[in-house]
Amino acid sequence: MSSIWNNCLSKLENEISGSDFSTWIRPLQAIESDEQIKLLAPNRFVLDWVKEHHFAKIEETIYEFSNGTLNLSLEIGSRNSSVATAAKVAKPAGSQKKQPQLPQ
């Protein structure tokens, strides 16, 4: 079953210019719950741009696909940031191979 956000992405891709969609909408990550869709922007610049230029259209599309049952919020973050940080920290110190020395 497709998520509401994936359905919204399909619709928005047809309603927003390709460059705007790729630059501003595609990088957003969604966390869906029973009452809300939280969109995570990778940084403040993307968050501010989406709020100013696309938030109303995104909100309207989510309202349409959720039959008005979901609220929309937008914040800075990433679903994978804690996993990536943990993986970075857990990497063994000796796991990096030394590059062979080339003769001079």
N, C-alpha and C. Protein backbone atom coordinates (compact mmCIF):
# COMPACT_ATOMS: atom_id res chain seq x y z
N MET A 1 0.84 -1.19 0.00
CA MET A 1 0.00 0.00 0.00
C MET A 1 0.89 1.25 0.00
N SER A 2 0.53 2.22 -0.82
CA SER A 2 1.30 3.44 -0.93
C SER A 2 0.99 4.38 0.24
N SER A 3 2.01 5.08 0.68
CA SER A 3 1.79 6.03 1.76
C SER A 3 1.13 7.30 1.22
N ILE A 4 0.55 8.05 2.11
CA ILE A 4 -0.08 9.32 1.70
C ILE A 4 0.98 10.24 1.11
N TRP A 5 2.17 10.27 1.72
CA TRP A 5 3.22 11.15 1.22
C TRP A 5 3.64 10.74 -0.19
N ASN A 6 3.75 9.44 -0.47
CA ASN A 6 4.11 9.00 -1.82
C ASN A 6 3.05 9.40 -2.83
N ASN A 7 1.78 9.31 -2.45
CA ASN A 7 0.70 9.77 -3.33
C ASN A 7 0.80 11.27 -3.57
N CYS A 8 1.12 12.00 -2.51
CA CYS A 8 1.29 13.46 -2.65
C CYS A 8 2.45 13.78 -3.57
N LEU A 9 3.56 13.06 -3.42
CA LEU A 9 4.72 13.30 -4.28
C LEU A 9 4.36 13.10 -5.75
N SER A 10 3.62 12.06 -6.04
CA SER A 10 3.21 11.80 -7.43
C SER A 10 2.39 12.96 -7.99
N LYS A 11 1.48 13.46 -7.19
CA LYS A 11 0.65 14.57 -7.65
C LYS A 11 1.47 15.86 -7.78
N LEU A 12 2.29 16.14 -6.77
CA LEU A 12 3.09 17.37 -6.78
C LEU A 12 4.09 17.38 -7.94
N GLU A 13 4.60 16.21 -8.29
CA GLU A 13 5.56 16.12 -9.39
C GLU A 13 4.94 16.60 -10.70
N ASN A 14 3.63 16.43 -10.83
CA ASN A 14 2.93 16.88 -12.04
C ASN A 14 2.47 18.33 -11.95
N GLU A 15 2.52 18.92 -10.77
CA GLU A 15 2.01 20.28 -10.59
C GLU A 15 3.09 21.33 -10.34
N ILE A 16 4.28 20.87 -10.03
CA ILE A 16 5.40 21.78 -9.73
C ILE A 16 6.45 21.56 -10.81
N SER A 17 7.15 22.62 -11.19
CA SER A 17 8.18 22.47 -12.23
C SER A 17 9.19 21.41 -11.82
N GLY A 18 9.76 20.74 -12.80
CA GLY A 18 10.71 19.67 -12.53
C GLY A 18 11.89 20.10 -11.69
N SER A 19 12.43 21.29 -11.99
CA SER A 19 13.59 21.75 -11.22
C SER A 19 13.21 22.08 -9.78
N ASP A 20 12.06 22.72 -9.58
CA ASP A 20 11.61 23.01 -8.22
C ASP A 20 11.32 21.73 -7.45
N PHE A 21 10.68 20.77 -8.12
CA PHE A 21 10.36 19.51 -7.45
C PHE A 21 11.63 18.80 -7.01
N SER A 22 12.60 18.69 -7.90
CA SER A 22 13.85 17.99 -7.58
C SER A 22 14.66 18.70 -6.50
N THR A 23 14.65 20.02 -6.56
CA THR A 23 15.45 20.80 -5.62
C THR A 23 14.82 20.92 -4.25
N TRP A 24 13.51 21.14 -4.18
CA TRP A 24 12.87 21.49 -2.92
C TRP A 24 11.96 20.41 -2.32
N ILE A 25 11.28 19.64 -3.16
CA ILE A 25 10.30 18.68 -2.65
C ILE A 25 10.91 17.29 -2.46
N ARG A 26 11.65 16.83 -3.44
CA ARG A 26 12.23 15.48 -3.38
C ARG A 26 13.12 15.27 -2.14
N PRO A 27 13.91 16.26 -1.68
CA PRO A 27 14.76 16.03 -0.51
C PRO A 27 14.00 15.89 0.82
N LEU A 28 12.73 16.25 0.84
CA LEU A 28 11.97 16.15 2.09
C LEU A 28 11.72 14.70 2.45
N GLN A 29 11.86 14.39 3.72
CA GLN A 29 11.56 13.06 4.23
C GLN A 29 10.30 13.16 5.08
N ALA A 30 9.45 12.17 4.98
CA ALA A 30 8.17 12.21 5.70
C ALA A 30 8.13 11.17 6.81
N ILE A 31 7.56 11.59 7.93
CA ILE A 31 7.23 10.69 9.02
C ILE A 31 5.73 10.78 9.19
N GLU A 32 5.05 9.69 8.91
CA GLU A 32 3.59 9.67 8.97
C GLU A 32 3.11 9.02 10.25
N SER A 33 2.10 9.65 10.87
CA SER A 33 1.44 9.05 12.03
C SER A 33 -0.06 9.11 11.79
N ASP A 34 -0.84 8.71 12.77
CA ASP A 34 -2.30 8.71 12.61
C ASP A 34 -2.88 10.11 12.47
N GLU A 35 -2.20 11.10 13.02
CA GLU A 35 -2.76 12.46 13.04
C GLU A 35 -1.96 13.47 12.25
N GLN A 36 -0.75 13.11 11.81
CA GLN A 36 0.14 14.12 11.26
C GLN A 36 1.11 13.53 10.25
N ILE A 37 1.50 14.37 9.31
CA ILE A 37 2.66 14.09 8.47
C ILE A 37 3.69 15.16 8.82
N LYS A 38 4.83 14.69 9.27
CA LYS A 38 5.93 15.60 9.59
C LYS A 38 6.93 15.49 8.46
N LEU A 39 7.19 16.60 7.79
CA LEU A 39 8.18 16.63 6.72
C LEU A 39 9.48 17.17 7.28
N LEU A 40 10.55 16.46 7.00
CA LEU A 40 11.87 16.84 7.48
C LEU A 40 12.68 17.41 6.33
N ALA A 41 13.13 18.64 6.50
CA ALA A 41 13.96 19.31 5.50
C ALA A 41 15.42 19.15 5.91
N PRO A 42 16.33 19.01 4.94
CA PRO A 42 17.73 18.78 5.28
C PRO A 42 18.43 19.97 5.94
N ASN A 43 17.90 21.19 5.73
CA ASN A 43 18.54 22.37 6.33
C ASN A 43 17.55 23.53 6.38
N ARG A 44 17.95 24.61 7.03
CA ARG A 44 17.09 25.78 7.23
C ARG A 44 16.72 26.43 5.89
N PHE A 45 17.65 26.46 4.96
CA PHE A 45 17.39 27.09 3.66
C PHE A 45 16.23 26.39 2.94
N VAL A 46 16.29 25.05 2.88
CA VAL A 46 15.22 24.28 2.23
C VAL A 46 13.91 24.47 2.99
N LEU A 47 13.97 24.41 4.32
CA LEU A 47 12.77 24.58 5.13
C LEU A 47 12.09 25.92 4.84
N ASP A 48 12.87 27.00 4.85
CA ASP A 48 12.31 28.33 4.61
C ASP A 48 11.75 28.46 3.19
N TRP A 49 12.46 27.93 2.21
CA TRP A 49 11.99 28.01 0.81
C TRP A 49 10.68 27.26 0.63
N VAL A 50 10.62 26.05 1.16
CA VAL A 50 9.40 25.24 1.03
C VAL A 50 8.24 25.93 1.74
N LYS A 51 8.48 26.47 2.93
CA LYS A 51 7.40 27.17 3.66
C LYS A 51 6.87 28.34 2.84
N GLU A 52 7.78 29.09 2.24
CA GLU A 52 7.38 30.29 1.51
C GLU A 52 6.73 29.99 0.16
N HIS A 53 7.22 28.97 -0.55
CA HIS A 53 6.79 28.76 -1.92
C HIS A 53 5.88 27.55 -2.16
N HIS A 54 5.96 26.53 -1.31
CA HIS A 54 5.24 25.29 -1.62
C HIS A 54 4.39 24.74 -0.48
N PHE A 55 4.47 25.31 0.69
CA PHE A 55 3.78 24.74 1.85
C PHE A 55 2.27 24.64 1.62
N ALA A 56 1.67 25.69 1.09
CA ALA A 56 0.22 25.68 0.88
C ALA A 56 -0.20 24.57 -0.08
N LYS A 57 0.56 24.38 -1.14
CA LYS A 57 0.25 23.33 -2.12
C LYS A 57 0.43 21.95 -1.51
N ILE A 58 1.49 21.76 -0.74
CA ILE A 58 1.72 20.48 -0.07
C ILE A 58 0.59 20.20 0.92
N GLU A 59 0.23 21.21 1.70
CA GLU A 59 -0.83 21.07 2.70
C GLU A 59 -2.16 20.70 2.03
N GLU A 60 -2.46 21.36 0.93
CA GLU A 60 -3.69 21.09 0.19
C GLU A 60 -3.71 19.64 -0.34
N THR A 61 -2.56 19.18 -0.83
CA THR A 61 -2.47 17.83 -1.38
C THR A 61 -2.60 16.78 -0.27
N ILE A 62 -1.97 17.02 0.86
CA ILE A 62 -2.08 16.09 1.99
C ILE A 62 -3.52 16.06 2.49
N TYR A 63 -4.15 17.21 2.55
CA TYR A 63 -5.56 17.27 2.97
C TYR A 63 -6.42 16.42 2.04
N GLU A 64 -6.16 16.55 0.74
CA GLU A 64 -6.92 15.79 -0.26
C GLU A 64 -6.74 14.28 -0.08
N PHE A 65 -5.50 13.82 0.05
CA PHE A 65 -5.24 12.38 0.14
C PHE A 65 -5.58 11.78 1.50
N SER A 66 -5.65 12.62 2.53
CA SER A 66 -5.98 12.09 3.87
C SER A 66 -7.43 12.36 4.23
N ASN A 67 -8.19 12.89 3.31
CA ASN A 67 -9.58 13.28 3.58
C ASN A 67 -9.68 14.25 4.75
N GLY A 68 -8.70 15.10 4.86
CA GLY A 68 -8.70 16.14 5.89
C GLY A 68 -8.37 15.65 7.28
N THR A 69 -7.82 14.44 7.40
CA THR A 69 -7.56 13.90 8.74
C THR A 69 -6.15 14.16 9.26
N LEU A 70 -5.23 14.57 8.38
CA LEU A 70 -3.84 14.75 8.81
C LEU A 70 -3.43 16.21 8.82
N ASN A 71 -2.67 16.58 9.84
CA ASN A 71 -2.04 17.89 9.91
C ASN A 71 -0.65 17.78 9.30
N LEU A 72 -0.11 18.90 8.87
CA LEU A 72 1.21 18.94 8.27
C LEU A 72 2.12 19.80 9.13
N SER A 73 3.32 19.29 9.38
CA SER A 73 4.35 20.11 10.03
C SER A 73 5.64 19.96 9.24
N LEU A 74 6.48 20.96 9.34
CA LEU A 74 7.74 21.00 8.60
C LEU A 74 8.83 21.41 9.56
N GLU A 75 9.89 20.60 9.64
CA GLU A 75 11.02 20.93 10.51
C GLU A 75 12.32 20.48 9.87
N ILE A 76 13.42 20.90 10.47
CA ILE A 76 14.74 20.48 10.00
C ILE A 76 15.06 19.15 10.65
N GLY A 77 15.56 18.22 9.85
CA GLY A 77 15.95 16.94 10.42
C GLY A 77 16.11 15.88 9.35
N SER A 78 16.38 14.67 9.82
CA SER A 78 16.53 13.52 8.93
C SER A 78 16.18 12.26 9.70
N ARG A 79 15.45 11.38 9.04
CA ARG A 79 15.10 10.11 9.68
C ARG A 79 16.34 9.27 9.92
N ASN A 80 17.38 9.43 9.12
CA ASN A 80 18.57 8.58 9.18
C ASN A 80 19.73 9.19 9.95
N SER A 81 19.59 10.40 10.47
CA SER A 81 20.74 11.06 11.09
C SER A 81 21.27 10.31 12.29
N SER A 82 20.41 9.77 13.15
CA SER A 82 20.90 9.05 14.32
C SER A 82 21.52 7.72 13.92
N VAL A 83 20.98 7.07 12.90
CA VAL A 83 21.55 5.81 12.42
C VAL A 83 22.92 6.07 11.80
N ALA A 84 23.03 7.12 10.99
CA ALA A 84 24.31 7.42 10.34
C ALA A 84 25.36 7.78 11.38
N THR A 85 24.97 8.55 12.39
CA THR A 85 25.90 8.92 13.44
C THR A 85 26.35 7.69 14.21
N ALA A 86 25.43 6.81 14.54
CA ALA A 86 25.77 5.59 15.27
C ALA A 86 26.70 4.71 14.44
N ALA A 87 26.45 4.61 13.15
CA ALA A 87 27.30 3.80 12.29
C ALA A 87 28.70 4.40 12.21
N LYS A 88 28.79 5.70 12.18
CA LYS A 88 30.08 6.37 12.11
C LYS A 88 30.88 6.10 13.38
N VAL A 89 30.23 6.21 14.52
CA VAL A 89 30.89 6.01 15.80
C VAL A 89 31.29 4.55 15.98
N ALA A 90 30.48 3.62 15.49
CA ALA A 90 30.72 2.20 15.70
C ALA A 90 31.78 1.63 14.75
N LYS A 91 32.25 2.41 13.79
CA LYS A 91 33.23 1.93 12.83
C LYS A 91 34.55 1.65 13.54
N PRO A 92 35.09 0.45 13.39
CA PRO A 92 36.35 0.11 14.05
C PRO A 92 37.49 1.00 13.58
N ALA A 93 38.37 1.36 14.50
CA ALA A 93 39.48 2.26 14.18
C ALA A 93 40.42 1.66 13.15
N GLY A 94 40.63 0.36 13.16
CA GLY A 94 41.58 -0.27 12.24
C GLY A 94 40.97 -0.67 10.91
N SER A 95 39.76 -0.20 10.61
CA SER A 95 39.08 -0.65 9.40
C SER A 95 39.57 0.07 8.14
N GLN A 96 40.32 1.14 8.32
CA GLN A 96 40.81 1.85 7.14
C GLN A 96 42.11 1.21 6.67
N LYS A 97 42.19 0.89 5.39
CA LYS A 97 43.39 0.29 4.83
C LYS A 97 44.36 1.40 4.45
N LYS A 98 45.63 1.13 4.65
CA LYS A 98 46.65 2.09 4.24
C LYS A 98 46.84 1.99 2.74
N GLN A 99 47.02 3.13 2.11
CA GLN A 99 47.29 3.17 0.68
C GLN A 99 48.73 2.73 0.43
N PRO A 100 48.98 1.89 -0.59
CA PRO A 100 50.35 1.49 -0.88
C PRO A 100 51.17 2.69 -1.33
N GLN A 101 52.43 2.71 -0.94
CA GLN A 101 53.34 3.78 -1.33
C GLN A 101 53.84 3.53 -2.75
N LEU A 102 53.76 4.53 -3.57
CA LEU A 102 54.28 4.42 -4.93
C LEU A 102 55.76 4.77 -4.93
N PRO A 103 56.56 4.05 -5.73
CA PRO A 103 57.99 4.40 -5.79
C PRO A 103 58.16 5.77 -6.41
N GLN A 104 59.16 6.48 -5.91
CA GLN A 104 59.38 7.85 -6.41
C GLN A 104 60.49 7.90 -7.40
